Amino acid sequence: MDLQAVRYFVAAVEAGSFAGAAAKLGLTQPAVARQVRLLERELGVPLVASITPRRLAATPSGQVLLAAAGEIGAILDRARRDALDRATEPS
């Protein structure tokens, strides 16, 4: 699973649209949508569903991935801090 695709998925759900996610990420809407669709294909489940033609929300499977992505983000943040702390320790 590509971490960047997960990041695009999270941005889309948080923004409520692919267009909003694209603006936040500095990308085009088709690029964000394509990555989310590829992630859905890889996992074999729908992650987002249209509420209206311009609004989307996470499906139940998407909610599971969204929660896991939050945990992954916290782990990566902690690892980054720990690595930086280690770099500043005397040898």
C-alpha atoms as a PDB file:
ATOM      1  CA  MET A   1       0.000   0.000   0.000  1.00  0.00           C
ATOM      2  CA  ASP A   2       1.452   3.323  -1.078  1.00  0.00           C
ATOM      3  CA  LEU A   3       1.696   5.825   1.770  1.00  0.00           C
ATOM      4  CA  GLN A   4       1.235   8.740  -0.608  1.00  0.00           C
ATOM      5  CA  ALA A   5      -2.026   7.275  -1.926  1.00  0.00           C
ATOM      6  CA  VAL A   6      -3.211   6.913   1.665  1.00  0.00           C
ATOM      7  CA  ARG A   7      -2.269  10.550   2.258  1.00  0.00           C
ATOM      8  CA  TYR A   8      -4.372  11.580  -0.777  1.00  0.00           C
ATOM      9  CA  PHE A   9      -7.282   9.491   0.504  1.00  0.00           C
ATOM     10  CA  VAL A  10      -7.097  11.151   3.940  1.00  0.00           C
ATOM     11  CA  ALA A  11      -6.951  14.609   2.351  1.00  0.00           C
ATOM     12  CA  ALA A  12      -9.985  13.815   0.178  1.00  0.00           C
ATOM     13  CA  VAL A  13     -12.051  12.627   3.131  1.00  0.00           C
ATOM     14  CA  GLU A  14     -10.993  15.563   5.300  1.00  0.00           C
ATOM     15  CA  ALA A  15     -11.775  18.036   2.500  1.00  0.00           C
ATOM     16  CA  GLY A  16     -14.974  16.241   1.533  1.00  0.00           C
ATOM     17  CA  SER A  17     -13.993  16.260  -2.128  1.00  0.00           C
ATOM     18  CA  PHE A  18     -11.225  15.390  -4.527  1.00  0.00           C
ATOM     19  CA  ALA A  19     -11.095  19.026  -5.647  1.00  0.00           C
ATOM     20  CA  GLY A  20     -10.621  20.262  -2.074  1.00  0.00           C
ATOM     21  CA  ALA A  21      -7.915  17.686  -1.463  1.00  0.00           C
ATOM     22  CA  ALA A  22      -6.179  18.657  -4.692  1.00  0.00           C
ATOM     23  CA  ALA A  23      -6.139  22.318  -3.685  1.00  0.00           C
ATOM     24  CA  LYS A  24      -4.727  21.428  -0.252  1.00  0.00           C
ATOM     25  CA  LEU A  25      -2.063  19.157  -1.755  1.00  0.00           C
ATOM     26  CA  GLY A  26      -1.171  21.412  -4.673  1.00  0.00           C
ATOM     27  CA  LEU A  27      -2.216  18.793  -7.217  1.00  0.00           C
ATOM     28  CA  THR A  28      -4.922  18.366  -9.824  1.00  0.00           C
ATOM     29  CA  GLN A  29      -8.266  16.828  -8.957  1.00  0.00           C
ATOM     30  CA  PRO A  30      -7.853  13.955 -11.454  1.00  0.00           C
ATOM     31  CA  ALA A  31      -4.482  13.031  -9.932  1.00  0.00           C
ATOM     32  CA  VAL A  32      -5.952  12.755  -6.436  1.00  0.00           C
ATOM     33  CA  ALA A  33      -9.010  10.835  -7.626  1.00  0.00           C
ATOM     34  CA  ARG A  34      -6.842   8.452  -9.667  1.00  0.00           C
ATOM     35  CA  GLN A  35      -4.638   7.629  -6.662  1.00  0.00           C
ATOM     36  CA  VAL A  36      -7.641   6.997  -4.428  1.00  0.00           C
ATOM     37  CA  ARG A  37      -9.240   4.775  -7.090  1.00  0.00           C
ATOM     38  CA  LEU A  38      -5.976   2.825  -7.456  1.00  0.00           C
ATOM     39  CA  LEU A  39      -5.865   2.364  -3.692  1.00  0.00           C
ATOM     40  CA  GLU A  40      -9.458   1.115  -3.732  1.00  0.00           C
ATOM     41  CA  ARG A  41      -8.586  -1.317  -6.505  1.00  0.00           C
ATOM     42  CA  GLU A  42      -5.537  -2.547  -4.601  1.00  0.00           C
ATOM     43  CA  LEU A  43      -7.534  -3.112  -1.414  1.00  0.00           C
ATOM     44  CA  GLY A  44     -10.586  -4.460  -3.219  1.00  0.00           C
ATOM     45  CA  VAL A  45     -13.048  -2.254  -1.341  1.00  0.00           C
ATOM     46  CA  PRO A  46     -14.616   1.158  -1.919  1.00  0.00           C
ATOM     47  CA  LEU A  47     -13.080   3.771   0.363  1.00  0.00           C
ATOM     48  CA  VAL A  48     -15.154   6.812  -0.590  1.00  0.00           C
ATOM     49  CA  ALA A  49     -18.717   7.309  -1.729  1.00  0.00           C
ATOM     50  CA  SER A  50     -20.381  10.313  -3.293  1.00  0.00           C
ATOM     51  CA  ILE A  51     -22.831  12.159  -1.079  1.00  0.00           C
ATOM     52  CA  THR A  52     -23.592  14.664  -3.833  1.00  0.00           C
ATOM     53  CA  PRO A  53     -21.865  15.186  -7.171  1.00  0.00           C
ATOM     54  CA  ARG A  54     -19.305  17.422  -5.418  1.00  0.00           C
ATOM     55  CA  ARG A  55     -19.137  15.895  -1.931  1.00  0.00           C
ATOM     56  CA  LEU A  56     -17.730  12.590  -0.769  1.00  0.00           C
ATOM     57  CA  ALA A  57     -17.390  10.710   2.494  1.00  0.00           C
ATOM     58  CA  ALA A  58     -15.535   7.654   3.687  1.00  0.00           C
ATOM     59  CA  THR A  59     -17.320   4.318   3.410  1.00  0.00           C
ATOM     60  CA  PRO A  60     -17.222   1.970   6.414  1.00  0.00           C
ATOM     61  CA  SER A  61     -14.028   0.449   4.949  1.00  0.00           C
ATOM     62  CA  GLY A  62     -12.706   3.948   4.393  1.00  0.00           C
ATOM     63  CA  GLN A  63     -13.398   4.810   8.033  1.00  0.00           C
ATOM     64  CA  VAL A  64     -11.235   1.856   9.087  1.00  0.00           C
ATOM     65  CA  LEU A  65      -8.408   3.028   6.821  1.00  0.00           C
ATOM     66  CA  LEU A  66      -8.825   6.617   8.008  1.00  0.00           C
ATOM     67  CA  ALA A  67      -8.414   5.532  11.645  1.00  0.00           C
ATOM     68  CA  ALA A  68      -5.378   3.403  10.767  1.00  0.00           C
ATOM     69  CA  ALA A  69      -3.873   6.288   8.812  1.00  0.00           C
ATOM     70  CA  GLY A  70      -4.149   8.453  11.922  1.00  0.00           C
ATOM     71  CA  GLU A  71      -2.319   5.807  13.940  1.00  0.00           C
ATOM     72  CA  ILE A  72       0.335   5.468  11.227  1.00  0.00           C
ATOM     73  CA  GLY A  73       0.793   9.228  11.174  1.00  0.00           C
ATOM     74  CA  ALA A  74       1.275   9.287  14.943  1.00  0.00           C
ATOM     75  CA  ILE A  75       3.828   6.474  14.735  1.00  0.00           C
ATOM     76  CA  LEU A  76       5.730   8.262  11.964  1.00  0.00           C
ATOM     77  CA  ASP A  77       5.701  11.535  13.921  1.00  0.00           C
ATOM     78  CA  ARG A  78       7.056   9.747  16.981  1.00  0.00           C
ATOM     79  CA  ALA A  79       9.741   8.015  14.911  1.00  0.00           C
ATOM     80  CA  ARG A  80      10.748  11.356  13.395  1.00  0.00           C
ATOM     81  CA  ARG A  81      11.037  12.984  16.824  1.00  0.00           C
ATOM     82  CA  ASP A  82      12.998  10.031  18.202  1.00  0.00           C
ATOM     83  CA  ALA A  83      15.396  10.096  15.246  1.00  0.00           C
ATOM     84  CA  LEU A  84      15.943  13.843  15.651  1.00  0.00           C
ATOM     85  CA  ASP A  85      16.468  13.434  19.397  1.00  0.00           C
ATOM     86  CA  ARG A  86      19.023  10.685  18.755  1.00  0.00           C
ATOM     87  CA  ALA A  87      20.849  12.903  16.253  1.00  0.00           C
ATOM     88  CA  THR A  88      21.269  15.619  18.870  1.00  0.00           C
ATOM     89  CA  GLU A  89      22.545  13.297  21.604  1.00  0.00           C
ATOM     90  CA  PRO A  90      26.264  13.398  22.279  1.00  0.00           C
ATOM     91  CA  SER A  91      28.148  10.454  20.756  1.00  0.00           C
END
